[in-house]
Amino acid sequence: MNAHKKLTEAKNHLDGLLVIANAGVMPFSRYQNEIYTAKDAYYNARIEMLDFQIEELTRAKVSITRAYRLEKEGRKNVTASATH
């Protein structure tokens, strides 16, 4: 499951539990452990999402850096061949 989907599902689950608990149908203490577990899952999903975004940005940075280096090498080669 991808990080986006996990984050969405964890947030929806936590929100659902909070709505039920706040509705007053059952005592809050009954849902307390489930809410804590859902909060843990939500925060873990947020961390996983950030890790995913960091990986994506790192790949983009590597790609941009590689393209820039190739361009610089191309310029050096053109300059070197022009001087001969």
PDB file of N, CA and C in Angstrom:
ATOM      1  N   MET A   1       0.856  -1.170   0.000  1.00  0.00           N
ATOM      2  CA  MET A   1       0.000   0.000   0.000  1.00  0.00           C
ATOM      3  C   MET A   1       0.903   1.234   0.000  1.00  0.00           C
ATOM      4  N   ASN A   2       0.556   2.195  -0.794  1.00  0.00           N
ATOM      5  CA  ASN A   2       1.432   3.359  -0.864  1.00  0.00           C
ATOM      6  C   ASN A   2       1.213   4.295   0.323  1.00  0.00           C
ATOM      7  N   ALA A   3       2.168   5.182   0.520  1.00  0.00           N
ATOM      8  CA  ALA A   3       2.171   6.063   1.684  1.00  0.00           C
ATOM      9  C   ALA A   3       0.953   6.986   1.708  1.00  0.00           C
ATOM     10  N   HIS A   4       0.528   7.470   0.544  1.00  0.00           N
ATOM     11  CA  HIS A   4      -0.641   8.359   0.480  1.00  0.00           C
ATOM     12  C   HIS A   4      -1.888   7.648   0.998  1.00  0.00           C
ATOM     13  N   LYS A   5      -2.081   6.426   0.531  1.00  0.00           N
ATOM     14  CA  LYS A   5      -3.273   5.669   0.910  1.00  0.00           C
ATOM     15  C   LYS A   5      -3.250   5.328   2.399  1.00  0.00           C
ATOM     16  N   LYS A   6      -2.082   4.924   2.909  1.00  0.00           N
ATOM     17  CA  LYS A   6      -1.970   4.605   4.335  1.00  0.00           C
ATOM     18  C   LYS A   6      -2.295   5.821   5.190  1.00  0.00           C
ATOM     19  N   LEU A   7      -1.773   6.968   4.788  1.00  0.00           N
ATOM     20  CA  LEU A   7      -2.022   8.189   5.551  1.00  0.00           C
ATOM     21  C   LEU A   7      -3.506   8.538   5.545  1.00  0.00           C
ATOM     22  N   THR A   8      -4.134   8.451   4.397  1.00  0.00           N
ATOM     23  CA  THR A   8      -5.562   8.758   4.288  1.00  0.00           C
ATOM     24  C   THR A   8      -6.396   7.805   5.133  1.00  0.00           C
ATOM     25  N   GLU A   9      -6.094   6.513   5.044  1.00  0.00           N
ATOM     26  CA  GLU A   9      -6.855   5.529   5.814  1.00  0.00           C
ATOM     27  C   GLU A   9      -6.658   5.713   7.315  1.00  0.00           C
ATOM     28  N   ALA A  10      -5.432   5.987   7.740  1.00  0.00           N
ATOM     29  CA  ALA A  10      -5.163   6.185   9.164  1.00  0.00           C
ATOM     30  C   ALA A  10      -5.898   7.420   9.679  1.00  0.00           C
ATOM     31  N   LYS A  11      -5.896   8.495   8.883  1.00  0.00           N
ATOM     32  CA  LYS A  11      -6.584   9.733   9.284  1.00  0.00           C
ATOM     33  C   LYS A  11      -8.088   9.511   9.354  1.00  0.00           C
ATOM     34  N   ASN A  12      -8.645   8.828   8.372  1.00  0.00           N
ATOM     35  CA  ASN A  12     -10.083   8.562   8.371  1.00  0.00           C
ATOM     36  C   ASN A  12     -10.490   7.685   9.549  1.00  0.00           C
ATOM     37  N   HIS A  13      -9.668   6.686   9.864  1.00  0.00           N
ATOM     38  CA  HIS A  13      -9.968   5.801  10.990  1.00  0.00           C
ATOM     39  C   HIS A  13      -9.955   6.589  12.299  1.00  0.00           C
ATOM     40  N   LEU A  14      -8.925   7.404  12.489  1.00  0.00           N
ATOM     41  CA  LEU A  14      -8.837   8.221  13.703  1.00  0.00           C
ATOM     42  C   LEU A  14     -10.012   9.188  13.784  1.00  0.00           C
ATOM     43  N   ASP A  15     -10.317   9.868  12.694  1.00  0.00           N
ATOM     44  CA  ASP A  15     -11.446  10.805  12.682  1.00  0.00           C
ATOM     45  C   ASP A  15     -12.753  10.104  13.021  1.00  0.00           C
ATOM     46  N   GLY A  16     -12.944   8.905  12.471  1.00  0.00           N
ATOM     47  CA  GLY A  16     -14.160   8.145  12.756  1.00  0.00           C
ATOM     48  C   GLY A  16     -14.289   7.803  14.228  1.00  0.00           C
ATOM     49  N   LEU A  17     -13.191   7.361  14.823  1.00  0.00           N
ATOM     50  CA  LEU A  17     -13.215   7.042  16.255  1.00  0.00           C
ATOM     51  C   LEU A  17     -13.501   8.280  17.096  1.00  0.00           C
ATOM     52  N   LEU A  18     -12.908   9.400  16.719  1.00  0.00           N
ATOM     53  CA  LEU A  18     -13.133  10.632  17.480  1.00  0.00           C
ATOM     54  C   LEU A  18     -14.577  11.107  17.360  1.00  0.00           C
ATOM     55  N   VAL A  19     -15.174  10.947  16.192  1.00  0.00           N
ATOM     56  CA  VAL A  19     -16.583  11.326  16.013  1.00  0.00           C
ATOM     57  C   VAL A  19     -17.471  10.471  16.912  1.00  0.00           C
ATOM     58  N   ILE A  20     -17.214   9.168  16.916  1.00  0.00           N
ATOM     59  CA  ILE A  20     -18.005   8.258  17.755  1.00  0.00           C
ATOM     60  C   ILE A  20     -17.817   8.603  19.231  1.00  0.00           C
ATOM     61  N   ALA A  21     -16.562   8.805  19.636  1.00  0.00           N
ATOM     62  CA  ALA A  21     -16.281   9.103  21.042  1.00  0.00           C
ATOM     63  C   ALA A  21     -16.899  10.432  21.464  1.00  0.00           C
ATOM     64  N   ASN A  22     -16.846  11.424  20.584  1.00  0.00           N
ATOM     65  CA  ASN A  22     -17.388  12.742  20.921  1.00  0.00           C
ATOM     66  C   ASN A  22     -18.909  12.799  20.845  1.00  0.00           C
ATOM     67  N   ALA A  23     -19.521  11.824  20.192  1.00  0.00           N
ATOM     68  CA  ALA A  23     -20.980  11.805  20.076  1.00  0.00           C
ATOM     69  C   ALA A  23     -21.635  11.471  21.409  1.00  0.00           C
ATOM     70  N   GLY A  24     -20.870  10.877  22.308  1.00  0.00           N
ATOM     71  CA  GLY A  24     -21.408  10.568  23.624  1.00  0.00           C
ATOM     72  C   GLY A  24     -22.238   9.308  23.670  1.00  0.00           C
ATOM     73  N   VAL A  25     -22.207   8.501  22.623  1.00  0.00           N
ATOM     74  CA  VAL A  25     -22.966   7.256  22.601  1.00  0.00           C
ATOM     75  C   VAL A  25     -22.422   6.295  23.656  1.00  0.00           C
ATOM     76  N   MET A  26     -21.118   6.231  23.735  1.00  0.00           N
ATOM     77  CA  MET A  26     -20.441   5.379  24.710  1.00  0.00           C
ATOM     78  C   MET A  26     -19.451   6.254  25.479  1.00  0.00           C
ATOM     79  N   PRO A  27     -19.048   5.820  26.648  1.00  0.00           N
ATOM     80  CA  PRO A  27     -18.053   6.601  27.385  1.00  0.00           C
ATOM     81  C   PRO A  27     -16.731   6.686  26.615  1.00  0.00           C
ATOM     82  N   PHE A  28     -16.082   7.839  26.715  1.00  0.00           N
ATOM     83  CA  PHE A  28     -14.823   8.058  26.017  1.00  0.00           C
ATOM     84  C   PHE A  28     -13.792   7.013  26.408  1.00  0.00           C
ATOM     85  N   SER A  29     -13.794   6.617  27.661  1.00  0.00           N
ATOM     86  CA  SER A  29     -12.795   5.657  28.144  1.00  0.00           C
ATOM     87  C   SER A  29     -12.871   4.340  27.379  1.00  0.00           C
ATOM     88  N   ARG A  30     -14.039   4.021  26.884  1.00  0.00           N
ATOM     89  CA  ARG A  30     -14.183   2.782  26.116  1.00  0.00           C
ATOM     90  C   ARG A  30     -13.374   2.849  24.815  1.00  0.00           C
ATOM     91  N   TYR A  31     -13.289   4.011  24.215  1.00  0.00           N
ATOM     92  CA  TYR A  31     -12.588   4.179  22.940  1.00  0.00           C
ATOM     93  C   TYR A  31     -11.143   4.653  23.111  1.00  0.00           C
ATOM     94  N   GLN A  32     -10.752   4.940  24.351  1.00  0.00           N
ATOM     95  CA  GLN A  32      -9.450   5.549  24.599  1.00  0.00           C
ATOM     96  C   GLN A  32      -8.297   4.739  24.016  1.00  0.00           C
ATOM     97  N   ASN A  33      -8.240   3.445  24.274  1.00  0.00           N
ATOM     98  CA  ASN A  33      -7.138   2.628  23.748  1.00  0.00           C
ATOM     99  C   ASN A  33      -7.168   2.561  22.227  1.00  0.00           C
ATOM    100  N   GLU A  34      -8.361   2.430  21.656  1.00  0.00           N
ATOM    101  CA  GLU A  34      -8.474   2.413  20.192  1.00  0.00           C
ATOM    102  C   GLU A  34      -8.016   3.741  19.589  1.00  0.00           C
ATOM    103  N   ILE A  35      -8.359   4.834  20.254  1.00  0.00           N
ATOM    104  CA  ILE A  35      -7.958   6.156  19.770  1.00  0.00           C
ATOM    105  C   ILE A  35      -6.442   6.301  19.842  1.00  0.00           C
ATOM    106  N   TYR A  36      -5.846   5.855  20.946  1.00  0.00           N
ATOM    107  CA  TYR A  36      -4.385   5.929  21.063  1.00  0.00           C
ATOM    108  C   TYR A  36      -3.708   5.084  19.995  1.00  0.00           C
ATOM    109  N   THR A  37      -4.238   3.901  19.746  1.00  0.00           N
ATOM    110  CA  THR A  37      -3.680   3.033  18.705  1.00  0.00           C
ATOM    111  C   THR A  37      -3.832   3.688  17.331  1.00  0.00           C
ATOM    112  N   ALA A  38      -4.997   4.289  17.080  1.00  0.00           N
ATOM    113  CA  ALA A  38      -5.238   4.966  15.801  1.00  0.00           C
ATOM    114  C   ALA A  38      -4.327   6.184  15.652  1.00  0.00           C
ATOM    115  N   LYS A  39      -4.092   6.908  16.754  1.00  0.00           N
ATOM    116  CA  LYS A  39      -3.174   8.051  16.694  1.00  0.00           C
ATOM    117  C   LYS A  39      -1.766   7.581  16.356  1.00  0.00           C
ATOM    118  N   ASP A  40      -1.337   6.488  16.986  1.00  0.00           N
ATOM    119  CA  ASP A  40      -0.013   5.930  16.676  1.00  0.00           C
ATOM    120  C   ASP A  40       0.087   5.570  15.198  1.00  0.00           C
ATOM    121  N   ALA A  41      -0.942   4.913  14.673  1.00  0.00           N
ATOM    122  CA  ALA A  41      -0.947   4.523  13.258  1.00  0.00           C
ATOM    123  C   ALA A  41      -0.918   5.755  12.361  1.00  0.00           C
ATOM    124  N   TYR A  42      -1.650   6.793  12.749  1.00  0.00           N
ATOM    125  CA  TYR A  42      -1.684   8.030  11.963  1.00  0.00           C
ATOM    126  C   TYR A  42      -0.314   8.705  11.947  1.00  0.00           C
ATOM    127  N   TYR A  43       0.303   8.822  13.109  1.00  0.00           N
ATOM    128  CA  TYR A  43       1.626   9.459  13.157  1.00  0.00           C
ATOM    129  C   TYR A  43       2.667   8.633  12.420  1.00  0.00           C
ATOM    130  N   ASN A  44       2.595   7.313  12.524  1.00  0.00           N
ATOM    131  CA  ASN A  44       3.512   6.450  11.772  1.00  0.00           C
ATOM    132  C   ASN A  44       3.311   6.620  10.269  1.00  0.00           C
ATOM    133  N   ALA A  45       2.059   6.751   9.849  1.00  0.00           N
ATOM    134  CA  ALA A  45       1.763   6.965   8.427  1.00  0.00           C
ATOM    135  C   ALA A  45       2.291   8.323   7.968  1.00  0.00           C
ATOM    136  N   ARG A  46       2.214   9.321   8.834  1.00  0.00           N
ATOM    137  CA  ARG A  46       2.759  10.642   8.483  1.00  0.00           C
ATOM    138  C   ARG A  46       4.269  10.566   8.297  1.00  0.00           C
ATOM    139  N   ILE A  47       4.944   9.839   9.190  1.00  0.00           N
ATOM    140  CA  ILE A  47       6.398   9.676   9.084  1.00  0.00           C
ATOM    141  C   ILE A  47       6.739   8.928   7.797  1.00  0.00           C
ATOM    142  N   GLU A  48       5.978   7.873   7.508  1.00  0.00           N
ATOM    143  CA  GLU A  48       6.206   7.113   6.277  1.00  0.00           C
ATOM    144  C   GLU A  48       6.010   7.999   5.047  1.00  0.00           C
ATOM    145  N   MET A  49       5.010   8.863   5.098  1.00  0.00           N
ATOM    146  CA  MET A  49       4.751   9.780   3.991  1.00  0.00           C
ATOM    147  C   MET A  49       5.925  10.744   3.815  1.00  0.00           C
ATOM    148  N   LEU A  50       6.441  11.268   4.923  1.00  0.00           N
ATOM    149  CA  LEU A  50       7.597  12.164   4.842  1.00  0.00           C
ATOM    150  C   LEU A  50       8.815  11.436   4.291  1.00  0.00           C
ATOM    151  N   ASP A  51       9.026  10.192   4.723  1.00  0.00           N
ATOM    152  CA  ASP A  51      10.137   9.400   4.186  1.00  0.00           C
ATOM    153  C   ASP A  51       9.990   9.223   2.679  1.00  0.00           C
ATOM    154  N   PHE A  52       8.763   8.952   2.235  1.00  0.00           N
ATOM    155  CA  PHE A  52       8.485   8.794   0.809  1.00  0.00           C
ATOM    156  C   PHE A  52       8.800  10.090   0.056  1.00  0.00           C
ATOM    157  N   GLN A  53       8.367  11.216   0.618  1.00  0.00           N
ATOM    158  CA  GLN A  53       8.614  12.504  -0.030  1.00  0.00           C
ATOM    159  C   GLN A  53      10.107  12.818  -0.080  1.00  0.00           C
ATOM    160  N   ILE A  54      10.829  12.471   0.979  1.00  0.00           N
ATOM    161  CA  ILE A  54      12.275  12.684   0.992  1.00  0.00           C
ATOM    162  C   ILE A  54      12.934  11.853  -0.098  1.00  0.00           C
ATOM    163  N   GLU A  55      12.505  10.598  -0.247  1.00  0.00           N
ATOM    164  CA  GLU A  55      13.045   9.742  -1.311  1.00  0.00           C
ATOM    165  C   GLU A  55      12.779  10.347  -2.687  1.00  0.00           C
ATOM    166  N   GLU A  56      11.564  10.834  -2.893  1.00  0.00           N
ATOM    167  CA  GLU A  56      11.206  11.449  -4.177  1.00  0.00           C
ATOM    168  C   GLU A  56      12.068  12.683  -4.453  1.00  0.00           C
ATOM    169  N   LEU A  57      12.232  13.523  -3.453  1.00  0.00           N
ATOM    170  CA  LEU A  57      13.043  14.730  -3.626  1.00  0.00           C
ATOM    171  C   LEU A  57      14.513  14.386  -3.849  1.00  0.00           C
ATOM    172  N   THR A  58      14.988  13.351  -3.181  1.00  0.00           N
ATOM    173  CA  THR A  58      16.375  12.923  -3.366  1.00  0.00           C
ATOM    174  C   THR A  58      16.588  12.429  -4.788  1.00  0.00           C
ATOM    175  N   ARG A  59      15.638  11.652  -5.309  1.00  0.00           N
ATOM    176  CA  ARG A  59      15.744  11.187  -6.699  1.00  0.00           C
ATOM    177  C   ARG A  59      15.741  12.367  -7.665  1.00  0.00           C
ATOM    178  N   ALA A  60      14.882  13.338  -7.416  1.00  0.00           N
ATOM    179  CA  ALA A  60      14.830  14.523  -8.281  1.00  0.00           C
ATOM    180  C   ALA A  60      16.142  15.294  -8.213  1.00  0.00           C
ATOM    181  N   LYS A  61      16.689  15.430  -7.016  1.00  0.00           N
ATOM    182  CA  LYS A  61      17.959  16.141  -6.849  1.00  0.00           C
ATOM    183  C   LYS A  61      19.076  15.436  -7.607  1.00  0.00           C
ATOM    184  N   VAL A  62      19.130  14.114  -7.497  1.00  0.00           N
ATOM    185  CA  VAL A  62      20.158  13.342  -8.200  1.00  0.00           C
ATOM    186  C   VAL A  62      20.014  13.518  -9.704  1.00  0.00           C
ATOM    187  N   SER A  63      18.788  13.468 -10.191  1.00  0.00           N
ATOM    188  CA  SER A  63      18.536  13.619 -11.621  1.00  0.00           C
ATOM    189  C   SER A  63      18.964  15.000 -12.121  1.00  0.00           C
ATOM    190  N   ILE A  64      18.603  16.032 -11.378  1.00  0.00           N
ATOM    191  CA  ILE A  64      18.963  17.397 -11.767  1.00  0.00           C
ATOM    192  C   ILE A  64      20.475  17.579 -11.723  1.00  0.00           C
ATOM    193  N   THR A  65      21.100  17.059 -10.675  1.00  0.00           N
ATOM    194  CA  THR A  65      22.557  17.173 -10.541  1.00  0.00           C
ATOM    195  C   THR A  65      23.264  16.451 -11.672  1.00  0.00           C
ATOM    196  N   ARG A  66      22.786  15.265 -12.015  1.00  0.00           N
ATOM    197  CA  ARG A  66      23.382  14.488 -13.107  1.00  0.00           C
ATOM    198  C   ARG A  66      23.261  15.244 -14.430  1.00  0.00           C
ATOM    199  N   ALA A  67      22.083  15.788 -14.697  1.00  0.00           N
ATOM    200  CA  ALA A  67      21.877  16.535 -15.944  1.00  0.00           C
ATOM    201  C   ALA A  67      22.784  17.762 -15.998  1.00  0.00           C
ATOM    202  N   TYR A  68      22.943  18.438 -14.884  1.00  0.00           N
ATOM    203  CA  TYR A  68      23.798  19.624 -14.842  1.00  0.00           C
ATOM    204  C   TYR A  68      25.259  19.250 -15.078  1.00  0.00           C
ATOM    205  N   ARG A  69      25.707  18.159 -14.461  1.00  0.00           N
ATOM    206  CA  ARG A  69      27.093  17.712 -14.671  1.00  0.00           C
ATOM    207  C   ARG A  69      27.340  17.348 -16.130  1.00  0.00           C
ATOM    208  N   LEU A  70      26.379  16.650 -16.730  1.00  0.00           N
ATOM    209  CA  LEU A  70      26.525  16.291 -18.144  1.00  0.00           C
ATOM    210  C   LEU A  70      26.594  17.535 -19.024  1.00  0.00           C
ATOM    211  N   GLU A  71      25.774  18.513 -18.698  1.00  0.00           N
ATOM    212  CA  GLU A  71      25.799  19.760 -19.466  1.00  0.00           C
ATOM    213  C   GLU A  71      27.146  20.458 -19.310  1.00  0.00           C
ATOM    214  N   LYS A  72      27.672  20.494 -18.091  1.00  0.00           N
ATOM    215  CA  LYS A  72      28.977  21.130 -17.862  1.00  0.00           C
ATOM    216  C   LYS A  72      30.085  20.391 -18.606  1.00  0.00           C
ATOM    217  N   GLU A  73      30.028  19.057 -18.596  1.00  0.00           N
ATOM    218  CA  GLU A  73      31.028  18.276 -19.332  1.00  0.00           C
ATOM    219  C   GLU A  73      30.929  18.559 -20.824  1.00  0.00           C
ATOM    220  N   GLY A  74      29.717  18.658 -21.321  1.00  0.00           N
ATOM    221  CA  GLY A  74      29.509  18.975 -22.734  1.00  0.00           C
ATOM    222  C   GLY A  74      30.088  20.329 -23.083  1.00  0.00           C
ATOM    223  N   ARG A  75      29.905  21.303 -22.199  1.00  0.00           N
ATOM    224  CA  ARG A  75      30.468  22.636 -22.434  1.00  0.00           C
ATOM    225  C   ARG A  75      31.989  22.593 -22.423  1.00  0.00           C
ATOM    226  N   LYS A  76      32.559  21.814 -21.491  1.00  0.00           N
ATOM    227  CA  LYS A  76      34.024  21.702 -21.435  1.00  0.00           C
ATOM    228  C   LYS A  76      34.560  21.065 -22.705  1.00  0.00           C
ATOM    229  N   ASN A  77      33.867  20.031 -23.186  1.00  0.00           N
ATOM    230  CA  ASN A  77      34.303  19.352 -24.412  1.00  0.00           C
ATOM    231  C   ASN A  77      34.222  20.275 -25.621  1.00  0.00           C
ATOM    232  N   VAL A  78      33.163  21.058 -25.706  1.00  0.00           N
ATOM    233  CA  VAL A  78      33.014  22.001 -26.818  1.00  0.00           C
ATOM    234  C   VAL A  78      34.115  23.049 -26.749  1.00  0.00           C
ATOM    235  N   THR A  79      34.374  23.560 -25.561  1.00  0.00           N
ATOM    236  CA  THR A  79      35.423  24.571 -25.383  1.00  0.00           C
ATOM    237  C   THR A  79      36.789  23.989 -25.720  1.00  0.00           C
ATOM    238  N   ALA A  80      37.046  22.756 -25.271  1.00  0.00           N
ATOM    239  CA  ALA A  80      38.338  22.112 -25.532  1.00  0.00           C
ATOM    240  C   ALA A  80      38.526  21.860 -27.022  1.00  0.00           C
ATOM    241  N   SER A  81      37.489  21.408 -27.711  1.00  0.00           N
ATOM    242  CA  SER A  81      37.620  21.132 -29.145  1.00  0.00           C
ATOM    243  C   SER A  81      37.731  22.425 -29.947  1.00  0.00           C
ATOM    244  N   ALA A  82      37.164  23.500 -29.452  1.00  0.00           N
ATOM    245  CA  ALA A  82      37.238  24.781 -30.154  1.00  0.00           C
ATOM    246  C   ALA A  82      38.632  25.386 -30.057  1.00  0.00           C
ATOM    247  N   THR A  83      39.368  25.050 -29.009  1.00  0.00           N
ATOM    248  CA  THR A  83      40.707  25.620 -28.844  1.00  0.00           C
ATOM    249  C   THR A  83      41.760  24.832 -29.605  1.00  0.00           C
ATOM    250  N   HIS A  84      41.426  23.662 -30.111  1.00  0.00           N
ATOM    251  CA  HIS A  84      42.412  22.858 -30.860  1.00  0.00           C
ATOM    252  C   HIS A  84      42.348  23.124 -32.317  1.00  0.00           C
TER     253      HIS A  84
END
